[in-house]
Structure formats: structure tokens, C-alpha cells
Amino acid sequence: MDKYNIKELAEKLERCRNVNLDDVKLEDVDEITDIKIDRRKPSNERILDFITKAKNPYIFKVNGKLVRIRFSDTDKTADECLTNVLKNLYR
């Protein structure tokens, strides 16, 4: 993992996290399927590869549609959050 400059990646994440969607042009955003990640690598390296390769790891296209991801400042895992959503939908 020495090939990653963690400080630069952290700075990139900070810059990208604060991008205003109104300033984003669809043609300037990566199509998620165009970002190739080696699935044989450990998960930490796959994450670092994605952050490195994506123009903005928080904003990308899926089938031509703009998608933005955000993370809450919480101790809950993604699995717990999705489970809660599904429980509430199918009460």
C-alpha cells in the first residue's frame, strides 16, 4: 500500500465532499462502470484505488444518472442502516 499518498487522498476526499451539486456538469462525472477496480485486492486497497481513480468519489453516474453518496457521522454500519430501512418498509 506504499503506492498511495494517504495525505493527498485525504485532501481529495475533503475537497470532493464539499462540492455543490449545482456546480457539477453531468459530462464531467465518472460513469461508475468505467472505474475498474481489481476485485482480487484486499478491501482497503480497493477503496484506495476507487478514491484514486474517481474524479470525485462522492459523485458519479449510474446508467447516466447522477448519484451522490454521503455518510452520517454515526457508529451505525451500512448494513444496520439498510436493515432498518427494510424493516420500516415491510412492517
PDB file of N, CA and C in Angstrom:
ATOM      1  N   MET A   1       0.812  -1.199   0.000  1.00  0.00           N
ATOM      2  CA  MET A   1       0.000   0.000   0.000  1.00  0.00           C
ATOM      3  C   MET A   1       0.854   1.260   0.000  1.00  0.00           C
ATOM      4  N   ASP A   2       2.153   1.087  -0.167  1.00  0.00           N
ATOM      5  CA  ASP A   2       3.052   2.237  -0.186  1.00  0.00           C
ATOM      6  C   ASP A   2       2.821   3.131  -1.398  1.00  0.00           C
ATOM      7  N   LYS A   3       2.115   2.622  -2.431  1.00  0.00           N
ATOM      8  CA  LYS A   3       1.939   3.410  -3.653  1.00  0.00           C
ATOM      9  C   LYS A   3       0.893   4.508  -3.503  1.00  0.00           C
ATOM     10  N   TYR A   4       0.177   4.533  -2.385  1.00  0.00           N
ATOM     11  CA  TYR A   4      -0.858   5.540  -2.162  1.00  0.00           C
ATOM     12  C   TYR A   4      -0.327   6.661  -1.281  1.00  0.00           C
ATOM     13  N   ASN A   5      -0.595   7.888  -1.676  1.00  0.00           N
ATOM     14  CA  ASN A   5      -0.241   9.033  -0.860  1.00  0.00           C
ATOM     15  C   ASN A   5      -1.487   9.374  -0.028  1.00  0.00           C
ATOM     16  N   ILE A   6      -1.516   8.876   1.176  1.00  0.00           N
ATOM     17  CA  ILE A   6      -2.707   8.989   2.031  1.00  0.00           C
ATOM     18  C   ILE A   6      -3.061  10.449   2.299  1.00  0.00           C
ATOM     19  N   LYS A   7      -2.062  11.282   2.478  1.00  0.00           N
ATOM     20  CA  LYS A   7      -2.336  12.704   2.728  1.00  0.00           C
ATOM     21  C   LYS A   7      -3.051  13.328   1.532  1.00  0.00           C
ATOM     22  N   GLU A   8      -2.568  13.051   0.329  1.00  0.00           N
ATOM     23  CA  GLU A   8      -3.209  13.587  -0.879  1.00  0.00           C
ATOM     24  C   GLU A   8      -4.636  13.052  -1.034  1.00  0.00           C
ATOM     25  N   LEU A   9      -4.820  11.768  -0.751  1.00  0.00           N
ATOM     26  CA  LEU A   9      -6.159  11.180  -0.864  1.00  0.00           C
ATOM     27  C   LEU A   9      -7.118  11.795   0.161  1.00  0.00           C
ATOM     28  N   ALA A  10      -6.627  12.056   1.358  1.00  0.00           N
ATOM     29  CA  ALA A  10      -7.459  12.689   2.382  1.00  0.00           C
ATOM     30  C   ALA A  10      -7.853  14.103   1.957  1.00  0.00           C
ATOM     31  N   GLU A  11      -6.913  14.830   1.364  1.00  0.00           N
ATOM     32  CA  GLU A  11      -7.212  16.180   0.866  1.00  0.00           C
ATOM     33  C   GLU A  11      -8.225  16.122  -0.280  1.00  0.00           C
ATOM     34  N   LYS A  12      -8.078  15.141  -1.168  1.00  0.00           N
ATOM     35  CA  LYS A  12      -9.021  14.969  -2.272  1.00  0.00           C
ATOM     36  C   LYS A  12     -10.419  14.688  -1.723  1.00  0.00           C
ATOM     37  N   LEU A  13     -10.522  13.805  -0.744  1.00  0.00           N
ATOM     38  CA  LEU A  13     -11.819  13.491  -0.152  1.00  0.00           C
ATOM     39  C   LEU A  13     -12.465  14.729   0.465  1.00  0.00           C
ATOM     40  N   GLU A  14     -11.672  15.522   1.145  1.00  0.00           N
ATOM     41  CA  GLU A  14     -12.209  16.738   1.768  1.00  0.00           C
ATOM     42  C   GLU A  14     -12.726  17.706   0.704  1.00  0.00           C
ATOM     43  N   ARG A  15     -11.950  17.914  -0.361  1.00  0.00           N
ATOM     44  CA  ARG A  15     -12.385  18.793  -1.454  1.00  0.00           C
ATOM     45  C   ARG A  15     -13.663  18.271  -2.102  1.00  0.00           C
ATOM     46  N   CYS A  16     -13.674  16.987  -2.403  1.00  0.00           N
ATOM     47  CA  CYS A  16     -14.797  16.381  -3.128  1.00  0.00           C
ATOM     48  C   CYS A  16     -16.068  16.329  -2.287  1.00  0.00           C
ATOM     49  N   ARG A  17     -15.922  16.154  -1.003  1.00  0.00           N
ATOM     50  CA  ARG A  17     -17.074  16.066  -0.102  1.00  0.00           C
ATOM     51  C   ARG A  17     -17.882  17.357  -0.113  1.00  0.00           C
ATOM     52  N   ASN A  18     -17.222  18.462  -0.314  1.00  0.00           N
ATOM     53  CA  ASN A  18     -17.877  19.764  -0.216  1.00  0.00           C
ATOM     54  C   ASN A  18     -18.322  20.349  -1.550  1.00  0.00           C
ATOM     55  N   VAL A  19     -18.260  19.565  -2.622  1.00  0.00           N
ATOM     56  CA  VAL A  19     -18.673  20.056  -3.935  1.00  0.00           C
ATOM     57  C   VAL A  19     -20.187  20.270  -3.946  1.00  0.00           C
ATOM     58  N   ASN A  20     -20.601  21.416  -4.473  1.00  0.00           N
ATOM     59  CA  ASN A  20     -22.019  21.730  -4.599  1.00  0.00           C
ATOM     60  C   ASN A  20     -22.546  21.062  -5.867  1.00  0.00           C
ATOM     61  N   LEU A  21     -23.641  20.320  -5.747  1.00  0.00           N
ATOM     62  CA  LEU A  21     -24.198  19.624  -6.906  1.00  0.00           C
ATOM     63  C   LEU A  21     -24.606  20.572  -8.026  1.00  0.00           C
ATOM     64  N   ASP A  22     -24.960  21.795  -7.680  1.00  0.00           N
ATOM     65  CA  ASP A  22     -25.323  22.778  -8.713  1.00  0.00           C
ATOM     66  C   ASP A  22     -24.138  23.129  -9.614  1.00  0.00           C
ATOM     67  N   ASP A  23     -22.931  22.894  -9.115  1.00  0.00           N
ATOM     68  CA  ASP A  23     -21.729  23.202  -9.882  1.00  0.00           C
ATOM     69  C   ASP A  23     -21.225  22.010 -10.703  1.00  0.00           C
ATOM     70  N   VAL A  24     -21.922  20.883 -10.625  1.00  0.00           N
ATOM     71  CA  VAL A  24     -21.480  19.653 -11.280  1.00  0.00           C
ATOM     72  C   VAL A  24     -22.147  19.522 -12.646  1.00  0.00           C
ATOM     73  N   LYS A  25     -21.330  19.279 -13.668  1.00  0.00           N
ATOM     74  CA  LYS A  25     -21.845  19.011 -15.010  1.00  0.00           C
ATOM     75  C   LYS A  25     -21.834  17.502 -15.227  1.00  0.00           C
ATOM     76  N   LEU A  26     -22.940  16.969 -15.692  1.00  0.00           N
ATOM     77  CA  LEU A  26     -23.078  15.527 -15.877  1.00  0.00           C
ATOM     78  C   LEU A  26     -21.947  14.949 -16.729  1.00  0.00           C
ATOM     79  N   GLU A  27     -21.526  15.673 -17.742  1.00  0.00           N
ATOM     80  CA  GLU A  27     -20.477  15.157 -18.631  1.00  0.00           C
ATOM     81  C   GLU A  27     -19.097  15.132 -17.965  1.00  0.00           C
ATOM     82  N   ASP A  28     -18.946  15.802 -16.832  1.00  0.00           N
ATOM     83  CA  ASP A  28     -17.663  15.825 -16.121  1.00  0.00           C
ATOM     84  C   ASP A  28     -17.575  14.767 -15.017  1.00  0.00           C
ATOM     85  N   VAL A  29     -18.606  13.945 -14.902  1.00  0.00           N
ATOM     86  CA  VAL A  29     -18.680  12.962 -13.815  1.00  0.00           C
ATOM     87  C   VAL A  29     -18.391  11.570 -14.369  1.00  0.00           C
ATOM     88  N   ASP A  30     -17.674  10.753 -13.595  1.00  0.00           N
ATOM     89  CA  ASP A  30     -17.352   9.383 -13.997  1.00  0.00           C
ATOM     90  C   ASP A  30     -18.603   8.511 -14.025  1.00  0.00           C
ATOM     91  N   GLU A  31     -18.702   7.665 -15.040  1.00  0.00           N
ATOM     92  CA  GLU A  31     -19.688   6.584 -15.036  1.00  0.00           C
ATOM     93  C   GLU A  31     -19.092   5.487 -14.158  1.00  0.00           C
ATOM     94  N   ILE A  32     -19.834   5.040 -13.172  1.00  0.00           N
ATOM     95  CA  ILE A  32     -19.301   4.113 -12.176  1.00  0.00           C
ATOM     96  C   ILE A  32     -18.754   2.841 -12.820  1.00  0.00           C
ATOM     97  N   THR A  33     -19.369   2.374 -13.902  1.00  0.00           N
ATOM     98  CA  THR A  33     -18.912   1.142 -14.552  1.00  0.00           C
ATOM     99  C   THR A  33     -17.593   1.326 -15.299  1.00  0.00           C
ATOM    100  N   ASP A  34     -17.192   2.568 -15.525  1.00  0.00           N
ATOM    101  CA  ASP A  34     -15.924   2.836 -16.198  1.00  0.00           C
ATOM    102  C   ASP A  34     -14.734   2.824 -15.242  1.00  0.00           C
ATOM    103  N   ILE A  35     -15.003   2.820 -13.959  1.00  0.00           N
ATOM    104  CA  ILE A  35     -13.929   2.799 -12.951  1.00  0.00           C
ATOM    105  C   ILE A  35     -13.632   1.338 -12.634  1.00  0.00           C
ATOM    106  N   LYS A  36     -12.507   0.868 -13.099  1.00  0.00           N
ATOM    107  CA  LYS A  36     -12.141  -0.544 -12.943  1.00  0.00           C
ATOM    108  C   LYS A  36     -11.281  -0.738 -11.700  1.00  0.00           C
ATOM    109  N   ILE A  37     -11.745  -1.631 -10.835  1.00  0.00           N
ATOM    110  CA  ILE A  37     -11.045  -1.949  -9.594  1.00  0.00           C
ATOM    111  C   ILE A  37     -10.775  -3.445  -9.575  1.00  0.00           C
ATOM    112  N   ASP A  38      -9.561  -3.835  -9.217  1.00  0.00           N
ATOM    113  CA  ASP A  38      -9.182  -5.244  -9.140  1.00  0.00           C
ATOM    114  C   ASP A  38      -9.822  -5.875  -7.903  1.00  0.00           C
ATOM    115  N   ARG A  39     -10.777  -6.759  -8.128  1.00  0.00           N
ATOM    116  CA  ARG A  39     -11.512  -7.392  -7.021  1.00  0.00           C
ATOM    117  C   ARG A  39     -10.664  -8.385  -6.228  1.00  0.00           C
ATOM    118  N   ARG A  40      -9.505  -8.708  -6.736  1.00  0.00           N
ATOM    119  CA  ARG A  40      -8.631  -9.647  -6.019  1.00  0.00           C
ATOM    120  C   ARG A  40      -7.844  -8.953  -4.906  1.00  0.00           C
ATOM    121  N   LYS A  41      -7.808  -7.636  -4.932  1.00  0.00           N
ATOM    122  CA  LYS A  41      -7.080  -6.891  -3.899  1.00  0.00           C
ATOM    123  C   LYS A  41      -7.872  -6.890  -2.597  1.00  0.00           C
ATOM    124  N   PRO A  42      -7.186  -6.688  -1.482  1.00  0.00           N
ATOM    125  CA  PRO A  42      -7.895  -6.552  -0.195  1.00  0.00           C
ATOM    126  C   PRO A  42      -8.827  -5.340  -0.233  1.00  0.00           C
ATOM    127  N   SER A  43      -9.863  -5.345   0.583  1.00  0.00           N
ATOM    128  CA  SER A  43     -10.875  -4.286   0.540  1.00  0.00           C
ATOM    129  C   SER A  43     -10.272  -2.895   0.759  1.00  0.00           C
ATOM    130  N   ASN A  44      -9.309  -2.758   1.647  1.00  0.00           N
ATOM    131  CA  ASN A  44      -8.692  -1.440   1.879  1.00  0.00           C
ATOM    132  C   ASN A  44      -8.043  -0.906   0.609  1.00  0.00           C
ATOM    133  N   GLU A  45      -7.371  -1.780  -0.132  1.00  0.00           N
ATOM    134  CA  GLU A  45      -6.729  -1.341  -1.369  1.00  0.00           C
ATOM    135  C   GLU A  45      -7.755  -1.021  -2.442  1.00  0.00           C
ATOM    136  N   ARG A  46      -8.848  -1.763  -2.486  1.00  0.00           N
ATOM    137  CA  ARG A  46      -9.904  -1.466  -3.460  1.00  0.00           C
ATOM    138  C   ARG A  46     -10.507  -0.094  -3.189  1.00  0.00           C
ATOM    139  N   ILE A  47     -10.697   0.236  -1.933  1.00  0.00           N
ATOM    140  CA  ILE A  47     -11.229   1.552  -1.569  1.00  0.00           C
ATOM    141  C   ILE A  47     -10.251   2.644  -1.993  1.00  0.00           C
ATOM    142  N   LEU A  48      -8.986   2.448  -1.690  1.00  0.00           N
ATOM    143  CA  LEU A  48      -7.968   3.439  -2.071  1.00  0.00           C
ATOM    144  C   LEU A  48      -7.872   3.578  -3.586  1.00  0.00           C
ATOM    145  N   ASP A  49      -7.989   2.461  -4.314  1.00  0.00           N
ATOM    146  CA  ASP A  49      -7.989   2.520  -5.779  1.00  0.00           C
ATOM    147  C   ASP A  49      -9.172   3.341  -6.283  1.00  0.00           C
ATOM    148  N   PHE A  50     -10.346   3.109  -5.709  1.00  0.00           N
ATOM    149  CA  PHE A  50     -11.533   3.854  -6.132  1.00  0.00           C
ATOM    150  C   PHE A  50     -11.347   5.348  -5.885  1.00  0.00           C
ATOM    151  N   ILE A  51     -10.872   5.701  -4.702  1.00  0.00           N
ATOM    152  CA  ILE A  51     -10.657   7.115  -4.377  1.00  0.00           C
ATOM    153  C   ILE A  51      -9.643   7.723  -5.345  1.00  0.00           C
ATOM    154  N   THR A  52      -8.613   6.964  -5.670  1.00  0.00           N
ATOM    155  CA  THR A  52      -7.577   7.446  -6.584  1.00  0.00           C
ATOM    156  C   THR A  52      -8.109   7.631  -8.005  1.00  0.00           C
ATOM    157  N   LYS A  53      -8.883   6.668  -8.488  1.00  0.00           N
ATOM    158  CA  LYS A  53      -9.322   6.669  -9.890  1.00  0.00           C
ATOM    159  C   LYS A  53     -10.520   7.570 -10.159  1.00  0.00           C
ATOM    160  N   ALA A  54     -11.408   7.713  -9.201  1.00  0.00           N
ATOM    161  CA  ALA A  54     -12.614   8.520  -9.415  1.00  0.00           C
ATOM    162  C   ALA A  54     -12.268   9.999  -9.396  1.00  0.00           C
ATOM    163  N   LYS A  55     -12.894  10.748 -10.308  1.00  0.00           N
ATOM    164  CA  LYS A  55     -12.706  12.201 -10.285  1.00  0.00           C
ATOM    165  C   LYS A  55     -13.223  12.752  -8.957  1.00  0.00           C
ATOM    166  N   ASN A  56     -14.400  12.271  -8.565  1.00  0.00           N
ATOM    167  CA  ASN A  56     -14.986  12.628  -7.274  1.00  0.00           C
ATOM    168  C   ASN A  56     -15.633  11.364  -6.718  1.00  0.00           C
ATOM    169  N   PRO A  57     -15.060  10.775  -5.677  1.00  0.00           N
ATOM    170  CA  PRO A  57     -15.592   9.517  -5.155  1.00  0.00           C
ATOM    171  C   PRO A  57     -16.988   9.643  -4.518  1.00  0.00           C
ATOM    172  N   TYR A  58     -17.455  10.857  -4.317  1.00  0.00           N
ATOM    173  CA  TYR A  58     -18.784  11.071  -3.737  1.00  0.00           C
ATOM    174  C   TYR A  58     -19.859  11.298  -4.796  1.00  0.00           C
ATOM    175  N   ILE A  59     -19.459  11.613  -6.025  1.00  0.00           N
ATOM    176  CA  ILE A  59     -20.419  11.921  -7.083  1.00  0.00           C
ATOM    177  C   ILE A  59     -20.012  11.144  -8.334  1.00  0.00           C
ATOM    178  N   PHE A  60     -20.944  10.372  -8.860  1.00  0.00           N
ATOM    179  CA  PHE A  60     -20.687   9.602 -10.071  1.00  0.00           C
ATOM    180  C   PHE A  60     -22.007   9.343 -10.780  1.00  0.00           C
ATOM    181  N   LYS A  61     -21.925   8.728 -11.946  1.00  0.00           N
ATOM    182  CA  LYS A  61     -23.121   8.390 -12.711  1.00  0.00           C
ATOM    183  C   LYS A  61     -23.346   6.882 -12.631  1.00  0.00           C
ATOM    184  N   VAL A  62     -24.620   6.506 -12.581  1.00  0.00           N
ATOM    185  CA  VAL A  62     -25.035   5.115 -12.703  1.00  0.00           C
ATOM    186  C   VAL A  62     -26.053   5.093 -13.833  1.00  0.00           C
ATOM    187  N   ASN A  63     -25.695   4.428 -14.928  1.00  0.00           N
ATOM    188  CA  ASN A  63     -26.557   4.404 -16.119  1.00  0.00           C
ATOM    189  C   ASN A  63     -26.956   5.815 -16.545  1.00  0.00           C
ATOM    190  N   GLY A  64     -26.007   6.737 -16.488  1.00  0.00           N
ATOM    191  CA  GLY A  64     -26.249   8.096 -16.941  1.00  0.00           C
ATOM    192  C   GLY A  64     -26.939   9.004 -15.944  1.00  0.00           C
ATOM    193  N   LYS A  65     -27.305   8.485 -14.783  1.00  0.00           N
ATOM    194  CA  LYS A  65     -27.987   9.280 -13.748  1.00  0.00           C
ATOM    195  C   LYS A  65     -26.984   9.705 -12.687  1.00  0.00           C
ATOM    196  N   LEU A  66     -27.064  10.947 -12.281  1.00  0.00           N
ATOM    197  CA  LEU A  66     -26.167  11.489 -11.271  1.00  0.00           C
ATOM    198  C   LEU A  66     -26.499  10.908  -9.895  1.00  0.00           C
ATOM    199  N   VAL A  67     -25.470  10.429  -9.209  1.00  0.00           N
ATOM    200  CA  VAL A  67     -25.628   9.848  -7.869  1.00  0.00           C
ATOM    201  C   VAL A  67     -24.628  10.520  -6.944  1.00  0.00           C
ATOM    202  N   ARG A  68     -25.102  10.877  -5.772  1.00  0.00           N
ATOM    203  CA  ARG A  68     -24.214  11.441  -4.755  1.00  0.00           C
ATOM    204  C   ARG A  68     -24.345  10.591  -3.503  1.00  0.00           C
ATOM    205  N   ILE A  69     -23.224  10.241  -2.910  1.00  0.00           N
ATOM    206  CA  ILE A  69     -23.268   9.483  -1.671  1.00  0.00           C
ATOM    207  C   ILE A  69     -22.761  10.365  -0.533  1.00  0.00           C
ATOM    208  N   ARG A  70     -23.358  10.159   0.606  1.00  0.00           N
ATOM    209  CA  ARG A  70     -22.944  10.859   1.819  1.00  0.00           C
ATOM    210  C   ARG A  70     -22.962   9.883   2.967  1.00  0.00           C
ATOM    211  N   PHE A  71     -22.196  10.188   3.987  1.00  0.00           N
ATOM    212  CA  PHE A  71     -22.105   9.324   5.145  1.00  0.00           C
ATOM    213  C   PHE A  71     -22.446  10.124   6.392  1.00  0.00           C
ATOM    214  N   SER A  72     -23.244   9.524   7.240  1.00  0.00           N
ATOM    215  CA  SER A  72     -23.592  10.151   8.512  1.00  0.00           C
ATOM    216  C   SER A  72     -22.442   9.971   9.487  1.00  0.00           C
ATOM    217  N   ASP A  73     -22.351  10.884  10.407  1.00  0.00           N
ATOM    218  CA  ASP A  73     -21.347  10.782  11.456  1.00  0.00           C
ATOM    219  C   ASP A  73     -21.950   9.956  12.591  1.00  0.00           C
ATOM    220  N   THR A  74     -21.895   8.640  12.426  1.00  0.00           N
ATOM    221  CA  THR A  74     -22.516   7.730  13.385  1.00  0.00           C
ATOM    222  C   THR A  74     -21.708   6.448  13.475  1.00  0.00           C
ATOM    223  N   ASP A  75     -21.983   5.679  14.503  1.00  0.00           N
ATOM    224  CA  ASP A  75     -21.308   4.390  14.664  1.00  0.00           C
ATOM    225  C   ASP A  75     -22.048   3.259  13.965  1.00  0.00           C
ATOM    226  N   LYS A  76     -23.226   3.550  13.393  1.00  0.00           N
ATOM    227  CA  LYS A  76     -24.001   2.513  12.706  1.00  0.00           C
ATOM    228  C   LYS A  76     -23.313   2.116  11.407  1.00  0.00           C
ATOM    229  N   THR A  77     -23.390   0.828  11.105  1.00  0.00           N
ATOM    230  CA  THR A  77     -22.828   0.338   9.852  1.00  0.00           C
ATOM    231  C   THR A  77     -23.858   0.496   8.741  1.00  0.00           C
ATOM    232  N   ALA A  78     -23.396   0.398   7.510  1.00  0.00           N
ATOM    233  CA  ALA A  78     -24.304   0.462   6.360  1.00  0.00           C
ATOM    234  C   ALA A  78     -25.325  -0.666   6.430  1.00  0.00           C
ATOM    235  N   ASP A  79     -24.885  -1.852   6.844  1.00  0.00           N
ATOM    236  CA  ASP A  79     -25.807  -2.985   6.979  1.00  0.00           C
ATOM    237  C   ASP A  79     -26.923  -2.683   7.971  1.00  0.00           C
ATOM    238  N   GLU A  80     -26.574  -2.089   9.101  1.00  0.00           N
ATOM    239  CA  GLU A  80     -27.591  -1.747  10.104  1.00  0.00           C
ATOM    240  C   GLU A  80     -28.587  -0.729   9.557  1.00  0.00           C
ATOM    241  N   CYS A  81     -28.090   0.261   8.854  1.00  0.00           N
ATOM    242  CA  CYS A  81     -28.976   1.287   8.285  1.00  0.00           C
ATOM    243  C   CYS A  81     -29.919   0.690   7.247  1.00  0.00           C
ATOM    244  N   LEU A  82     -29.387  -0.139   6.358  1.00  0.00           N
ATOM    245  CA  LEU A  82     -30.228  -0.761   5.342  1.00  0.00           C
ATOM    246  C   LEU A  82     -31.244  -1.709   5.963  1.00  0.00           C
ATOM    247  N   THR A  83     -30.836  -2.437   6.977  1.00  0.00           N
ATOM    248  CA  THR A  83     -31.762  -3.328   7.670  1.00  0.00           C
ATOM    249  C   THR A  83     -32.904  -2.535   8.287  1.00  0.00           C
ATOM    250  N   ASN A  84     -32.596  -1.395   8.905  1.00  0.00           N
ATOM    251  CA  ASN A  84     -33.639  -0.554   9.496  1.00  0.00           C
ATOM    252  C   ASN A  84     -34.595  -0.017   8.439  1.00  0.00           C
ATOM    253  N   VAL A  85     -34.068   0.381   7.294  1.00  0.00           N
ATOM    254  CA  VAL A  85     -34.922   0.871   6.207  1.00  0.00           C
ATOM    255  C   VAL A  85     -35.870  -0.231   5.767  1.00  0.00           C
ATOM    256  N   LEU A  86     -35.340  -1.426   5.553  1.00  0.00           N
ATOM    257  CA  LEU A  86     -36.178  -2.541   5.105  1.00  0.00           C
ATOM    258  C   LEU A  86     -37.218  -2.927   6.157  1.00  0.00           C
ATOM    259  N   LYS A  87     -36.847  -2.907   7.411  1.00  0.00           N
ATOM    260  CA  LYS A  87     -37.813  -3.206   8.494  1.00  0.00           C
ATOM    261  C   LYS A  87     -38.947  -2.203   8.485  1.00  0.00           C
ATOM    262  N   ASN A  88     -38.617  -0.927   8.285  1.00  0.00           N
ATOM    263  CA  ASN A  88     -39.651   0.113   8.270  1.00  0.00           C
ATOM    264  C   ASN A  88     -40.532   0.010   7.032  1.00  0.00           C
ATOM    265  N   LEU A  89     -39.983  -0.410   5.918  1.00  0.00           N
ATOM    266  CA  LEU A  89     -40.767  -0.552   4.696  1.00  0.00           C
ATOM    267  C   LEU A  89     -41.733  -1.723   4.757  1.00  0.00           C
ATOM    268  N   TYR A  90     -41.323  -2.788   5.411  1.00  0.00           N
ATOM    269  CA  TYR A  90     -42.100  -4.034   5.405  1.00  0.00           C
ATOM    270  C   TYR A  90     -42.661  -4.395   6.779  1.00  0.00           C
ATOM    271  N   ARG A  91     -43.160  -3.404   7.485  1.00  0.00           N
ATOM    272  CA  ARG A  91     -43.786  -3.653   8.784  1.00  0.00           C
ATOM    273  C   ARG A  91     -45.088  -4.356   8.606  1.00  0.00           C
TER     274      ARG A  91
END
